[in-house]
C-alpha atoms as a PDB file:
ATOM      1  CA  UNK A   1       4.817  44.422 -28.211  1.00  0.00           C
ATOM      2  CA  UNK A   2       2.808  43.541 -25.248  1.00  0.00           C
ATOM      3  CA  UNK A   3       1.591  39.849 -25.081  1.00  0.00           C
ATOM      4  CA  UNK A   4      -2.094  39.343 -24.048  1.00  0.00           C
ATOM      5  CA  UNK A   5      -2.536  38.480 -20.355  1.00  0.00           C
ATOM      6  CA  UNK A   6      -2.569  34.735 -19.594  1.00  0.00           C
ATOM      7  CA  UNK A   7      -5.893  33.564 -18.488  1.00  0.00           C
ATOM      8  CA  UNK A   8      -6.853  32.947 -14.737  1.00  0.00           C
ATOM      9  CA  UNK A   9      -7.860  29.237 -14.499  1.00  0.00           C
ATOM     10  CA  UNK A  10     -10.526  28.399 -12.088  1.00  0.00           C
ATOM     11  CA  UNK A  11     -11.174  24.636 -11.393  1.00  0.00           C
ATOM     12  CA  UNK A  12     -14.304  23.381  -9.914  1.00  0.00           C
ATOM     13  CA  UNK A  13     -14.079  19.702  -8.968  1.00  0.00           C
ATOM     14  CA  UNK A  14     -17.182  17.642  -8.581  1.00  0.00           C
ATOM     15  CA  UNK A  15     -19.440  20.275 -10.160  1.00  0.00           C
ATOM     16  CA  UNK A  16     -22.562  17.961  -9.585  1.00  0.00           C
ATOM     17  CA  UNK A  17     -22.342  18.399  -5.802  1.00  0.00           C
ATOM     18  CA  UNK A  18     -21.709  22.199  -6.120  1.00  0.00           C
ATOM     19  CA  UNK A  19     -24.574  24.393  -5.149  1.00  0.00           C
ATOM     20  CA  UNK A  20     -26.351  25.592  -8.372  1.00  0.00           C
ATOM     21  CA  UNK A  21     -26.914  29.283  -7.334  1.00  0.00           C
ATOM     22  CA  UNK A  22     -23.421  29.789  -6.050  1.00  0.00           C
ATOM     23  CA  UNK A  23     -21.982  28.201  -9.276  1.00  0.00           C
ATOM     24  CA  UNK A  24     -24.383  30.422 -11.442  1.00  0.00           C
ATOM     25  CA  UNK A  25     -23.259  33.497  -9.510  1.00  0.00           C
ATOM     26  CA  UNK A  26     -19.574  32.447  -9.784  1.00  0.00           C
ATOM     27  CA  UNK A  27     -19.752  32.087 -13.479  1.00  0.00           C
ATOM     28  CA  UNK A  28     -21.600  35.354 -13.850  1.00  0.00           C
ATOM     29  CA  UNK A  29     -18.902  37.262 -11.956  1.00  0.00           C
ATOM     30  CA  UNK A  30     -16.096  35.629 -13.872  1.00  0.00           C
ATOM     31  CA  UNK A  31     -17.996  36.378 -17.095  1.00  0.00           C
ATOM     32  CA  UNK A  32     -18.149  40.081 -16.104  1.00  0.00           C
ATOM     33  CA  UNK A  33     -14.515  40.122 -15.242  1.00  0.00           C
ATOM     34  CA  UNK A  34     -13.493  38.403 -18.376  1.00  0.00           C
ATOM     35  CA  UNK A  35     -13.369  41.825 -20.290  1.00  0.00           C
ATOM     36  CA  UNK A  36     -10.518  42.925 -18.040  1.00  0.00           C
ATOM     37  CA  UNK A  37      -8.836  39.656 -17.322  1.00  0.00           C
ATOM     38  CA  UNK A  38      -9.361  36.345 -19.368  1.00  0.00           C
ATOM     39  CA  UNK A  39     -10.694  33.695 -17.368  1.00  0.00           C
ATOM     40  CA  UNK A  40     -10.891  29.949 -18.085  1.00  0.00           C
ATOM     41  CA  UNK A  41     -13.290  27.789 -15.872  1.00  0.00           C
ATOM     42  CA  UNK A  42     -12.935  23.987 -15.864  1.00  0.00           C
ATOM     43  CA  UNK A  43     -15.992  22.237 -14.518  1.00  0.00           C
ATOM     44  CA  UNK A  44     -15.220  18.751 -13.463  1.00  0.00           C
ATOM     45  CA  UNK A  45     -18.208  16.629 -14.358  1.00  0.00           C
ATOM     46  CA  UNK A  46     -18.288  12.835 -13.539  1.00  0.00           C
ATOM     47  CA  UNK A  47     -21.384  11.937 -15.451  1.00  0.00           C
ATOM     48  CA  UNK A  48     -21.954  13.858 -18.713  1.00  0.00           C
ATOM     49  CA  UNK A  49     -21.535  17.272 -20.095  1.00  0.00           C
ATOM     50  CA  UNK A  50     -25.227  17.368 -21.042  1.00  0.00           C
ATOM     51  CA  UNK A  51     -26.198  17.350 -17.278  1.00  0.00           C
ATOM     52  CA  UNK A  52     -24.783  20.918 -17.052  1.00  0.00           C
ATOM     53  CA  UNK A  53     -27.941  22.299 -18.734  1.00  0.00           C
ATOM     54  CA  UNK A  54     -29.883  21.217 -15.673  1.00  0.00           C
ATOM     55  CA  UNK A  55     -27.262  22.997 -13.319  1.00  0.00           C
ATOM     56  CA  UNK A  56     -26.559  26.112 -15.103  1.00  0.00           C
ATOM     57  CA  UNK A  57     -29.609  28.490 -16.089  1.00  0.00           C
ATOM     58  CA  UNK A  58     -29.909  29.423 -19.804  1.00  0.00           C
ATOM     59  CA  UNK A  59     -28.976  33.069 -19.220  1.00  0.00           C
ATOM     60  CA  UNK A  60     -25.786  32.129 -17.629  1.00  0.00           C
ATOM     61  CA  UNK A  61     -24.958  29.461 -20.189  1.00  0.00           C
ATOM     62  CA  UNK A  62     -25.424  31.958 -22.981  1.00  0.00           C
ATOM     63  CA  UNK A  63     -22.739  34.032 -21.684  1.00  0.00           C
ATOM     64  CA  UNK A  64     -20.267  31.217 -21.793  1.00  0.00           C
ATOM     65  CA  UNK A  65     -18.146  29.509 -24.666  1.00  0.00           C
ATOM     66  CA  UNK A  66     -18.614  25.908 -23.673  1.00  0.00           C
ATOM     67  CA  UNK A  67     -16.081  23.175 -24.876  1.00  0.00           C
ATOM     68  CA  UNK A  68     -16.159  19.616 -23.857  1.00  0.00           C
ATOM     69  CA  UNK A  69     -13.195  17.182 -23.489  1.00  0.00           C
ATOM     70  CA  UNK A  70     -12.576  13.907 -21.838  1.00  0.00           C
ATOM     71  CA  UNK A  71      -9.845  12.894 -19.559  1.00  0.00           C
ATOM     72  CA  UNK A  72      -8.745   9.275 -18.808  1.00  0.00           C
ATOM     73  CA  UNK A  73     -11.305   7.519 -16.870  1.00  0.00           C
ATOM     74  CA  UNK A  74     -10.441   7.328 -13.225  1.00  0.00           C
ATOM     75  CA  UNK A  75     -10.414   3.506 -13.356  1.00  0.00           C
ATOM     76  CA  UNK A  76      -7.573   3.716 -16.098  1.00  0.00           C
ATOM     77  CA  UNK A  77      -5.638   6.186 -13.921  1.00  0.00           C
ATOM     78  CA  UNK A  78      -6.120   4.184 -10.851  1.00  0.00           C
ATOM     79  CA  UNK A  79      -4.548   1.057 -12.672  1.00  0.00           C
ATOM     80  CA  UNK A  80      -1.716   3.043 -13.850  1.00  0.00           C
ATOM     81  CA  UNK A  81      -0.972   4.307 -10.310  1.00  0.00           C
ATOM     82  CA  UNK A  82      -1.227   0.779  -9.063  1.00  0.00           C
ATOM     83  CA  UNK A  83       0.978  -0.664 -11.792  1.00  0.00           C
ATOM     84  CA  UNK A  84       3.585   2.025 -11.914  1.00  0.00           C
ATOM     85  CA  UNK A  85       3.770   3.265  -8.344  1.00  0.00           C
ATOM     86  CA  UNK A  86       2.260   0.975  -5.755  1.00  0.00           C
ATOM     87  CA  UNK A  87       3.475  -2.294  -7.169  1.00  0.00           C
ATOM     88  CA  UNK A  88       6.975  -0.916  -7.995  1.00  0.00           C
ATOM     89  CA  UNK A  89       9.652  -2.765  -5.961  1.00  0.00           C
ATOM     90  CA  UNK A  90      11.372   0.468  -5.193  1.00  0.00           C
ATOM     91  CA  UNK A  91       8.348   2.014  -3.646  1.00  0.00           C
ATOM     92  CA  UNK A  92       8.944   2.555   0.103  1.00  0.00           C
ATOM     93  CA  UNK A  93       7.142   1.503   2.229  1.00  0.00           C
ATOM     94  CA  UNK A  94       5.714  -1.239   0.131  1.00  0.00           C
ATOM     95  CA  UNK A  95       1.981  -1.610   0.718  1.00  0.00           C
ATOM     96  CA  UNK A  96       0.615  -4.852   1.978  1.00  0.00           C
ATOM     97  CA  UNK A  97      -2.180  -6.819   0.234  1.00  0.00           C
ATOM     98  CA  UNK A  98      -4.559  -5.660   2.939  1.00  0.00           C
ATOM     99  CA  UNK A  99      -3.566  -1.956   2.254  1.00  0.00           C
ATOM    100  CA  UNK A 100      -4.140  -2.411  -1.655  1.00  0.00           C
ATOM    101  CA  UNK A 101      -7.462  -4.035  -1.107  1.00  0.00           C
ATOM    102  CA  UNK A 102      -8.502  -1.209   1.233  1.00  0.00           C
ATOM    103  CA  UNK A 103      -7.496   1.312  -1.447  1.00  0.00           C
ATOM    104  CA  UNK A 104      -9.293  -0.521  -4.210  1.00  0.00           C
ATOM    105  CA  UNK A 105     -12.397  -0.733  -1.997  1.00  0.00           C
ATOM    106  CA  UNK A 106     -12.381   2.880  -1.199  1.00  0.00           C
ATOM    107  CA  UNK A 107     -11.950   3.682  -4.706  1.00  0.00           C
ATOM    108  CA  UNK A 108     -14.854   1.637  -5.861  1.00  0.00           C
ATOM    109  CA  UNK A 109     -17.129   2.662  -2.967  1.00  0.00           C
ATOM    110  CA  UNK A 110     -16.724   6.366  -3.762  1.00  0.00           C
ATOM    111  CA  UNK A 111     -17.872   6.227  -7.396  1.00  0.00           C
ATOM    112  CA  UNK A 112     -14.318   5.642  -8.610  1.00  0.00           C
ATOM    113  CA  UNK A 113     -13.136   8.904  -7.065  1.00  0.00           C
ATOM    114  CA  UNK A 114      -9.388   9.511  -7.346  1.00  0.00           C
ATOM    115  CA  UNK A 115      -9.818  11.923  -4.311  1.00  0.00           C
ATOM    116  CA  UNK A 116     -11.160   9.156  -2.242  1.00  0.00           C
ATOM    117  CA  UNK A 117      -8.258   6.895  -3.294  1.00  0.00           C
ATOM    118  CA  UNK A 118      -5.847   9.814  -2.514  1.00  0.00           C
ATOM    119  CA  UNK A 119      -7.428  10.210   0.932  1.00  0.00           C
ATOM    120  CA  UNK A 120      -7.295   6.378   1.491  1.00  0.00           C
ATOM    121  CA  UNK A 121      -3.584   6.374   0.613  1.00  0.00           C
ATOM    122  CA  UNK A 122      -2.974   9.172   3.213  1.00  0.00           C
ATOM    123  CA  UNK A 123      -4.872   7.295   5.923  1.00  0.00           C
ATOM    124  CA  UNK A 124      -2.808   4.058   5.039  1.00  0.00           C
ATOM    125  CA  UNK A 125       0.440   5.887   5.262  1.00  0.00           C
ATOM    126  CA  UNK A 126      -0.725   7.304   8.683  1.00  0.00           C
ATOM    127  CA  UNK A 127      -1.956   4.085   9.863  1.00  0.00           C
ATOM    128  CA  UNK A 128       1.393   2.522   8.907  1.00  0.00           C
ATOM    129  CA  UNK A 129       3.586   5.074  10.693  1.00  0.00           C
ATOM    130  CA  UNK A 130       1.290   5.114  13.630  1.00  0.00           C
ATOM    131  CA  UNK A 131       1.049   1.444  14.309  1.00  0.00           C
ATOM    132  CA  UNK A 132       4.619   0.481  13.448  1.00  0.00           C
ATOM    133  CA  UNK A 133       6.563   3.180  15.384  1.00  0.00           C
ATOM    134  CA  UNK A 134      10.034   1.909  14.359  1.00  0.00           C
ATOM    135  CA  UNK A 135       8.984   2.295  10.633  1.00  0.00           C
ATOM    136  CA  UNK A 136       9.461   6.030  10.769  1.00  0.00           C
ATOM    137  CA  UNK A 137      12.919   5.324  12.142  1.00  0.00           C
ATOM    138  CA  UNK A 138      13.797   3.270   9.153  1.00  0.00           C
ATOM    139  CA  UNK A 139      12.990   6.260   6.924  1.00  0.00           C
ATOM    140  CA  UNK A 140      15.400   8.462   9.123  1.00  0.00           C
ATOM    141  CA  UNK A 141      17.956   5.795   8.981  1.00  0.00           C
ATOM    142  CA  UNK A 142      17.744   5.488   5.196  1.00  0.00           C
ATOM    143  CA  UNK A 143      18.208   9.181   4.865  1.00  0.00           C
ATOM    144  CA  UNK A 144      20.910   9.304   7.419  1.00  0.00           C
ATOM    145  CA  UNK A 145      22.801   6.466   5.782  1.00  0.00           C
ATOM    146  CA  UNK A 146      22.489   8.203   2.376  1.00  0.00           C
ATOM    147  CA  UNK A 147      23.910  11.226   3.822  1.00  0.00           C
ATOM    148  CA  UNK A 148      26.756   9.375   5.628  1.00  0.00           C
ATOM    149  CA  UNK A 149      27.552   7.578   2.323  1.00  0.00           C
ATOM    150  CA  UNK A 150      27.855  11.127   0.691  1.00  0.00           C
ATOM    151  CA  UNK A 151      30.011  12.295   3.471  1.00  0.00           C
ATOM    152  CA  UNK A 152      32.054   9.169   3.408  1.00  0.00           C
ATOM    153  CA  UNK A 153      32.562   9.501  -0.305  1.00  0.00           C
ATOM    154  CA  UNK A 154      33.465  13.106  -0.042  1.00  0.00           C
ATOM    155  CA  UNK A 155      35.805  12.594   2.685  1.00  0.00           C
ATOM    156  CA  UNK A 156      37.621   9.805   0.799  1.00  0.00           C
ATOM    157  CA  UNK A 157      37.879  12.012  -2.321  1.00  0.00           C
ATOM    158  CA  UNK A 158      39.408  14.807  -0.178  1.00  0.00           C
ATOM    159  CA  UNK A 159      41.889  12.203   1.311  1.00  0.00           C
ATOM    160  CA  UNK A 160      42.934  10.981  -1.983  1.00  0.00           C
ATOM    161  CA  UNK A 161      43.366  14.576  -3.121  1.00  0.00           C
ATOM    162  CA  UNK A 162      45.441  15.382  -0.112  1.00  0.00           C
ATOM    163  CA  UNK A 163      47.489  12.219  -0.709  1.00  0.00           C
ATOM    164  CA  UNK A 164      48.191  13.246  -4.168  1.00  0.00           C
ATOM    165  CA  UNK A 165      49.268  16.652  -3.178  1.00  0.00           C
ATOM    166  CA  UNK A 166      51.637  15.142  -0.386  1.00  0.00           C
ATOM    167  CA  UNK A 167      53.084  12.803  -3.072  1.00  0.00           C
ATOM    168  CA  UNK A 168      53.672  15.700  -5.325  1.00  0.00           C
ATOM    169  CA  UNK A 169      55.347  17.682  -2.654  1.00  0.00           C
ATOM    170  CA  UNK A 170      57.369  14.794  -1.551  1.00  0.00           C
ATOM    171  CA  UNK A 171      58.545  14.271  -5.135  1.00  0.00           C
ATOM    172  CA  UNK A 172      59.406  17.962  -5.488  1.00  0.00           C
ATOM    173  CA  UNK A 173      61.237  17.836  -2.141  1.00  0.00           C
ATOM    174  CA  UNK A 174      63.277  14.871  -3.233  1.00  0.00           C
ATOM    175  CA  UNK A 175      64.173  16.552  -6.467  1.00  0.00           C
ATOM    176  CA  UNK A 176      65.194  19.796  -4.473  1.00  0.00           C
ATOM    177  CA  UNK A 177      67.277  17.607  -2.096  1.00  0.00           C
ATOM    178  CA  UNK A 178      69.091  15.946  -5.122  1.00  0.00           C
ATOM    179  CA  UNK A 179      69.744  19.402  -6.680  1.00  0.00           C
ATOM    180  CA  UNK A 180      71.069  20.602  -3.311  1.00  0.00           C
ATOM    181  CA  UNK A 181      73.317  17.563  -2.793  1.00  0.00           C
ATOM    182  CA  UNK A 182      74.647  18.051  -6.481  1.00  0.00           C
ATOM    183  CA  UNK A 183      75.608  21.780  -5.839  1.00  0.00           C
END
């Protein structure tokens, strides 16, 4: 039996800032293609789902099967990222207090946008590596030391294996020599 085709998923982030005519045309085109290929459109809305009535004309909305759902709030996600990633002692490079303040400020200034926080994180990383030239070497040295540790461990294991083989050969040679002497 043939399985039904999986839907194509189209994600439109920040739907409020999307051009209304372009969005309507996109939804109409996808609705027409839906007979041949199932399509799922996710519209990212930061305010409320009811505002979609003002963006999408009634003729377009009538062709859609609309479902609404909520994700975690951006503030909760940002808090989780801060606690589980940025403040983790194993996170390298560890962000400074000024970096964390910049990140939180950008997040708040851009209507709690996770995209703005991600861009700020990229800029902070770029700033870190551009203003502290040797910091990029530290990352290379860390990678090199891990590779060297693996190589050293592998070499030591190989040497131990060779020593065991040599000991086994020596023991066999000693037994052979005793047998030769007894003959």
